[in-house]
PDB file of N, CA and C in Angstrom:
ATOM      1  N   MET A   1      43.616  19.725 222.290  1.00  0.00           N
ATOM      2  CA  MET A   1      42.093  19.114 222.590  1.00  0.00           C
ATOM      3  C   MET A   1      41.111  18.895 221.703  1.00  0.00           C
ATOM      4  N   LYS A   2      40.452  18.366 221.263  1.00  0.00           N
ATOM      5  CA  LYS A   2      39.416  18.143 220.113  1.00  0.00           C
ATOM      6  C   LYS A   2      38.362  19.171 220.791  1.00  0.00           C
ATOM      7  N   THR A   3      37.894  19.973 220.046  1.00  0.00           N
ATOM      8  CA  THR A   3      36.393  20.320 220.314  1.00  0.00           C
ATOM      9  C   THR A   3      35.312  19.957 221.460  1.00  0.00           C
ATOM     10  N   ASN A   4      35.220  18.373 220.482  1.00  0.00           N
ATOM     11  CA  ASN A   4      33.798  17.719 221.133  1.00  0.00           C
ATOM     12  C   ASN A   4      34.685  17.687 222.482  1.00  0.00           C
ATOM     13  N   GLU A   5      35.658  17.490 223.436  1.00  0.00           N
ATOM     14  CA  GLU A   5      36.496  17.251 224.477  1.00  0.00           C
ATOM     15  C   GLU A   5      36.320  18.551 225.153  1.00  0.00           C
ATOM     16  N   LEU A   6      36.302  19.858 224.236  1.00  0.00           N
ATOM     17  CA  LEU A   6      36.274  21.096 225.404  1.00  0.00           C
ATOM     18  C   LEU A   6      35.131  21.397 225.645  1.00  0.00           C
ATOM     19  N   LYS A   7      33.565  20.856 224.447  1.00  0.00           N
ATOM     20  CA  LYS A   7      32.602  20.634 225.037  1.00  0.00           C
ATOM     21  C   LYS A   7      31.915  19.845 226.232  1.00  0.00           C
ATOM     22  N   GLU A   8      32.833  19.185 226.677  1.00  0.00           N
ATOM     23  CA  GLU A   8      32.240  18.238 227.733  1.00  0.00           C
ATOM     24  C   GLU A   8      32.456  18.249 228.999  1.00  0.00           C
ATOM     25  N   LEU A   9      33.611  19.783 228.715  1.00  0.00           N
ATOM     26  CA  LEU A   9      33.980  20.691 230.124  1.00  0.00           C
ATOM     27  C   LEU A   9      33.238  21.693 230.751  1.00  0.00           C
ATOM     28  N   GLY A  10      33.105  21.624 231.886  1.00  0.00           N
ATOM     29  CA  GLY A  10      32.580  22.499 232.379  1.00  0.00           C
ATOM     30  C   GLY A  10      33.154  23.928 232.371  1.00  0.00           C
ATOM     31  N   ALA A  11      32.419  25.300 232.842  1.00  0.00           N
ATOM     32  CA  ALA A  11      33.070  26.424 232.409  1.00  0.00           C
ATOM     33  C   ALA A  11      34.291  26.677 233.227  1.00  0.00           C
ATOM     34  N   GLU A  12      34.188  26.321 234.534  1.00  0.00           N
ATOM     35  CA  GLU A  12      35.678  26.578 235.043  1.00  0.00           C
ATOM     36  C   GLU A  12      36.640  25.616 234.911  1.00  0.00           C
ATOM     37  N   GLU A  13      36.387  24.580 234.541  1.00  0.00           N
ATOM     38  CA  GLU A  13      37.342  23.736 234.152  1.00  0.00           C
ATOM     39  C   GLU A  13      38.536  23.896 233.198  1.00  0.00           C
ATOM     40  N   LEU A  14      37.068  24.723 231.804  1.00  0.00           N
ATOM     41  CA  LEU A  14      37.377  25.213 230.665  1.00  0.00           C
ATOM     42  C   LEU A  14      38.868  26.668 230.784  1.00  0.00           C
ATOM     43  N   GLU A  15      38.085  27.440 232.088  1.00  0.00           N
ATOM     44  CA  GLU A  15      38.795  28.554 231.882  1.00  0.00           C
ATOM     45  C   GLU A  15      40.189  28.174 232.839  1.00  0.00           C
ATOM     46  N   ALA A  16      39.950  27.242 233.466  1.00  0.00           N
ATOM     47  CA  ALA A  16      41.461  26.917 234.384  1.00  0.00           C
ATOM     48  C   ALA A  16      42.748  26.210 233.200  1.00  0.00           C
ATOM     49  N   LYS A  17      41.609  25.869 231.963  1.00  0.00           N
ATOM     50  CA  LYS A  17      42.816  24.390 231.183  1.00  0.00           C
ATOM     51  C   LYS A  17      43.270  26.093 230.165  1.00  0.00           C
ATOM     52  N   ILE A  18      42.524  27.071 230.038  1.00  0.00           N
ATOM     53  CA  ILE A  18      42.864  28.413 229.527  1.00  0.00           C
ATOM     54  C   ILE A  18      44.084  29.108 229.776  1.00  0.00           C
ATOM     55  N   ALA A  19      43.752  28.963 231.338  1.00  0.00           N
ATOM     56  CA  ALA A  19      45.180  29.807 232.336  1.00  0.00           C
ATOM     57  C   ALA A  19      46.027  28.996 231.944  1.00  0.00           C
ATOM     58  N   GLU A  20      45.983  27.494 232.059  1.00  0.00           N
ATOM     59  CA  GLU A  20      47.597  26.524 231.927  1.00  0.00           C
ATOM     60  C   GLU A  20      48.185  26.956 230.481  1.00  0.00           C
ATOM     61  N   VAL A  21      47.003  26.733 229.743  1.00  0.00           N
ATOM     62  CA  VAL A  21      47.471  26.758 228.403  1.00  0.00           C
ATOM     63  C   VAL A  21      48.253  28.386 227.688  1.00  0.00           C
ATOM     64  N   ARG A  22      47.916  29.285 228.498  1.00  0.00           N
ATOM     65  CA  ARG A  22      48.452  30.629 228.039  1.00  0.00           C
ATOM     66  C   ARG A  22      49.521  30.939 229.038  1.00  0.00           C
ATOM     67  N   LYS A  23      49.779  29.862 230.016  1.00  0.00           N
ATOM     68  CA  LYS A  23      50.862  30.440 230.959  1.00  0.00           C
ATOM     69  C   LYS A  23      52.168  29.605 230.106  1.00  0.00           C
ATOM     70  N   GLU A  24      52.026  28.247 229.297  1.00  0.00           N
ATOM     71  CA  GLU A  24      52.678  27.616 228.396  1.00  0.00           C
ATOM     72  C   GLU A  24      53.181  28.102 227.305  1.00  0.00           C
ATOM     73  N   LEU A  25      51.847  29.090 226.725  1.00  0.00           N
ATOM     74  CA  LEU A  25      51.971  29.986 225.885  1.00  0.00           C
ATOM     75  C   LEU A  25      53.362  30.991 225.972  1.00  0.00           C
ATOM     76  N   GLY A  26      53.157  31.404 227.146  1.00  0.00           N
ATOM     77  CA  GLY A  26      53.759  32.914 227.787  1.00  0.00           C
ATOM     78  C   GLY A  26      55.217  32.501 227.464  1.00  0.00           C
ATOM     79  N   ASP A  27      55.323  31.319 228.132  1.00  0.00           N
ATOM     80  CA  ASP A  27      56.955  30.649 228.715  1.00  0.00           C
ATOM     81  C   ASP A  27      57.625  30.319 227.178  1.00  0.00           C
ATOM     82  N   LEU A  28      56.925  29.945 226.004  1.00  0.00           N
ATOM     83  CA  LEU A  28      57.194  29.970 224.704  1.00  0.00           C
ATOM     84  C   LEU A  28      57.886  30.940 224.137  1.00  0.00           C
ATOM     85  N   LYS A  29      57.146  31.966 224.349  1.00  0.00           N
ATOM     86  CA  LYS A  29      57.111  33.369 223.564  1.00  0.00           C
ATOM     87  C   LYS A  29      58.468  33.807 224.388  1.00  0.00           C
ATOM     88  N   LEU A  30      58.938  34.054 225.861  1.00  0.00           N
ATOM     89  CA  LEU A  30      59.724  34.515 226.507  1.00  0.00           C
ATOM     90  C   LEU A  30      60.843  33.575 225.872  1.00  0.00           C
ATOM     91  N   LYS A  31      61.334  32.086 226.039  1.00  0.00           N
ATOM     92  CA  LYS A  31      62.195  31.775 225.655  1.00  0.00           C
ATOM     93  C   LYS A  31      62.608  32.603 223.921  1.00  0.00           C
ATOM     94  N   LEU A  32      61.925  31.876 223.145  1.00  0.00           N
ATOM     95  CA  LEU A  32      62.019  32.460 221.994  1.00  0.00           C
ATOM     96  C   LEU A  32      62.090  33.875 221.882  1.00  0.00           C
ATOM     97  N   ALA A  33      61.944  34.950 222.597  1.00  0.00           N
ATOM     98  CA  ALA A  33      62.210  36.450 222.457  1.00  0.00           C
ATOM     99  C   ALA A  33      63.616  36.587 223.598  1.00  0.00           C
ATOM    100  N   SER A  34      64.278  35.614 224.232  1.00  0.00           N
ATOM    101  CA  SER A  34      65.468  35.883 224.909  1.00  0.00           C
ATOM    102  C   SER A  34      66.574  35.108 223.911  1.00  0.00           C
ATOM    103  N   LYS A  35      66.288  34.105 222.659  1.00  0.00           N
ATOM    104  CA  LYS A  35      67.398  33.732 221.950  1.00  0.00           C
ATOM    105  C   LYS A  35      67.727  32.696 222.618  1.00  0.00           C
ATOM    106  N   VAL A  36      66.452  31.566 223.343  1.00  0.00           N
ATOM    107  CA  VAL A  36      66.840  31.001 223.609  1.00  0.00           C
ATOM    108  C   VAL A  36      65.996  29.427 222.705  1.00  0.00           C
ATOM    109  N   ASP A  37      67.114  28.254 222.467  1.00  0.00           N
ATOM    110  CA  ASP A  37      66.606  27.218 221.497  1.00  0.00           C
ATOM    111  C   ASP A  37      65.587  26.464 221.732  1.00  0.00           C
ATOM    112  N   VAL A  38      64.333  27.133 221.249  1.00  0.00           N
ATOM    113  CA  VAL A  38      62.829  26.759 221.664  1.00  0.00           C
ATOM    114  C   VAL A  38      62.962  25.082 220.490  1.00  0.00           C
ATOM    115  N   GLU A  39      62.485  23.937 221.144  1.00  0.00           N
ATOM    116  CA  GLU A  39      62.547  22.719 220.695  1.00  0.00           C
ATOM    117  C   GLU A  39      61.811  22.915 219.542  1.00  0.00           C
ATOM    118  N   LYS A  40      60.529  22.972 219.992  1.00  0.00           N
ATOM    119  CA  LYS A  40      59.359  23.120 218.524  1.00  0.00           C
ATOM    120  C   LYS A  40      58.819  24.492 218.575  1.00  0.00           C
ATOM    121  N   PRO A  41      59.294  24.840 218.079  1.00  0.00           N
ATOM    122  CA  PRO A  41      58.680  26.773 217.439  1.00  0.00           C
ATOM    123  C   PRO A  41      57.074  26.654 217.073  1.00  0.00           C
ATOM    124  N   VAL A  42      56.969  25.269 216.435  1.00  0.00           N
ATOM    125  CA  VAL A  42      55.918  25.541 215.853  1.00  0.00           C
ATOM    126  C   VAL A  42      54.443  25.473 216.934  1.00  0.00           C
ATOM    127  N   ARG A  43      55.038  24.656 218.304  1.00  0.00           N
ATOM    128  CA  ARG A  43      54.215  24.201 219.243  1.00  0.00           C
ATOM    129  C   ARG A  43      53.474  25.792 219.478  1.00  0.00           C
ATOM    130  N   ILE A  44      54.217  27.276 219.461  1.00  0.00           N
ATOM    131  CA  ILE A  44      53.286  28.541 219.556  1.00  0.00           C
ATOM    132  C   ILE A  44      52.160  28.829 218.827  1.00  0.00           C
ATOM    133  N   ARG A  45      52.347  28.602 217.496  1.00  0.00           N
ATOM    134  CA  ARG A  45      51.303  28.418 216.822  1.00  0.00           C
ATOM    135  C   ARG A  45      49.563  27.207 217.420  1.00  0.00           C
ATOM    136  N   LEU A  46      50.635  26.195 217.513  1.00  0.00           N
ATOM    137  CA  LEU A  46      49.372  25.182 218.112  1.00  0.00           C
ATOM    138  C   LEU A  46      48.676  25.782 219.164  1.00  0.00           C
ATOM    139  N   LEU A  47      48.931  26.221 220.175  1.00  0.00           N
ATOM    140  CA  LEU A  47      48.882  27.136 221.504  1.00  0.00           C
ATOM    141  C   LEU A  47      47.990  27.948 221.497  1.00  0.00           C
ATOM    142  N   ARG A  48      48.165  28.648 220.071  1.00  0.00           N
ATOM    143  CA  ARG A  48      47.549  30.381 220.119  1.00  0.00           C
ATOM    144  C   ARG A  48      45.898  29.692 219.620  1.00  0.00           C
ATOM    145  N   ARG A  49      46.069  28.506 218.779  1.00  0.00           N
ATOM    146  CA  ARG A  49      45.090  27.979 218.163  1.00  0.00           C
ATOM    147  C   ARG A  49      44.259  27.457 219.322  1.00  0.00           C
ATOM    148  N   GLU A  50      44.829  26.935 220.154  1.00  0.00           N
ATOM    149  CA  GLU A  50      43.928  25.842 220.916  1.00  0.00           C
ATOM    150  C   GLU A  50      43.399  26.836 222.057  1.00  0.00           C
ATOM    151  N   VAL A  51      44.070  28.374 222.350  1.00  0.00           N
ATOM    152  CA  VAL A  51      43.405  28.870 223.062  1.00  0.00           C
ATOM    153  C   VAL A  51      41.792  29.704 222.568  1.00  0.00           C
ATOM    154  N   ALA A  52      42.521  29.752 221.028  1.00  0.00           N
ATOM    155  CA  ALA A  52      41.359  30.143 220.469  1.00  0.00           C
ATOM    156  C   ALA A  52      40.065  29.631 220.613  1.00  0.00           C
ATOM    157  N   ARG A  53      40.396  28.166 220.154  1.00  0.00           N
ATOM    158  CA  ARG A  53      38.796  27.187 220.204  1.00  0.00           C
ATOM    159  C   ARG A  53      38.263  27.545 221.452  1.00  0.00           C
ATOM    160  N   MET A  54      39.436  27.019 222.769  1.00  0.00           N
ATOM    161  CA  MET A  54      39.174  27.038 223.924  1.00  0.00           C
ATOM    162  C   MET A  54      38.041  27.795 224.203  1.00  0.00           C
ATOM    163  N   LEU A  55      38.244  29.344 223.665  1.00  0.00           N
ATOM    164  CA  LEU A  55      37.769  30.737 224.309  1.00  0.00           C
ATOM    165  C   LEU A  55      36.094  30.382 223.643  1.00  0.00           C
ATOM    166  N   THR A  56      36.049  30.401 222.365  1.00  0.00           N
ATOM    167  CA  THR A  56      35.329  30.081 221.369  1.00  0.00           C
ATOM    168  C   THR A  56      34.024  28.824 222.325  1.00  0.00           C
ATOM    169  N   VAL A  57      34.585  27.925 222.590  1.00  0.00           N
ATOM    170  CA  VAL A  57      33.535  27.125 223.353  1.00  0.00           C
ATOM    171  C   VAL A  57      33.231  27.392 224.697  1.00  0.00           C
ATOM    172  N   LEU A  58      33.984  28.285 225.103  1.00  0.00           N
ATOM    173  CA  LEU A  58      33.747  28.828 226.411  1.00  0.00           C
ATOM    174  C   LEU A  58      32.353  30.075 226.371  1.00  0.00           C
ATOM    175  N   ALA A  59      32.937  30.659 225.315  1.00  0.00           N
ATOM    176  CA  ALA A  59      31.622  32.250 224.712  1.00  0.00           C
ATOM    177  C   ALA A  59      30.590  31.254 224.322  1.00  0.00           C
ATOM    178  N   ALA A  60      30.104  30.349 223.651  1.00  0.00           N
ATOM    179  CA  ALA A  60      28.796  29.745 223.416  1.00  0.00           C
ATOM    180  C   ALA A  60      28.581  28.964 224.501  1.00  0.00           C
ATOM    181  N   LYS A  61      29.461  27.991 225.521  1.00  0.00           N
ATOM    182  CA  LYS A  61      28.953  28.272 227.006  1.00  0.00           C
ATOM    183  C   LYS A  61      28.114  29.236 227.811  1.00  0.00           C
ATOM    184  N   LYS A  62      28.560  30.509 227.562  1.00  0.00           N
ATOM    185  CA  LYS A  62      28.408  31.736 228.173  1.00  0.00           C
ATOM    186  C   LYS A  62      26.743  31.710 227.584  1.00  0.00           C
ATOM    187  N   GLU A  63      26.959  31.838 226.569  1.00  0.00           N
ATOM    188  CA  GLU A  63      25.542  32.215 225.615  1.00  0.00           C
ATOM    189  C   GLU A  63      24.767  31.400 225.695  1.00  0.00           C
ATOM    190  N   ALA A  64      24.795  30.507 225.600  1.00  0.00           N
ATOM    191  CA  ALA A  64      23.491  29.294 226.005  1.00  0.00           C
ATOM    192  C   ALA A  64      23.026  29.353 227.620  1.00  0.00           C
ATOM    193  N   LYS A  65      23.660  29.974 228.662  1.00  0.00           N
ATOM    194  CA  LYS A  65      23.282  30.117 229.740  1.00  0.00           C
ATOM    195  C   LYS A  65      21.583  31.297 230.038  1.00  0.00           C
TER     196      LYS A  65
END
């Protein structure tokens, strides 16, 4: 998701989205660690960046309150 789209979400929705992406990231890391062929290994890096982006937007929302 783009930053503009993330800013439109509420804090609760954003936290739910973070949990969802972290679960997917954990699943991919588990597959990689267990030597299962990961279809798109670059997806791990993209998910990490997406989580960081969401956490930044969430922190800004909480600070603004």
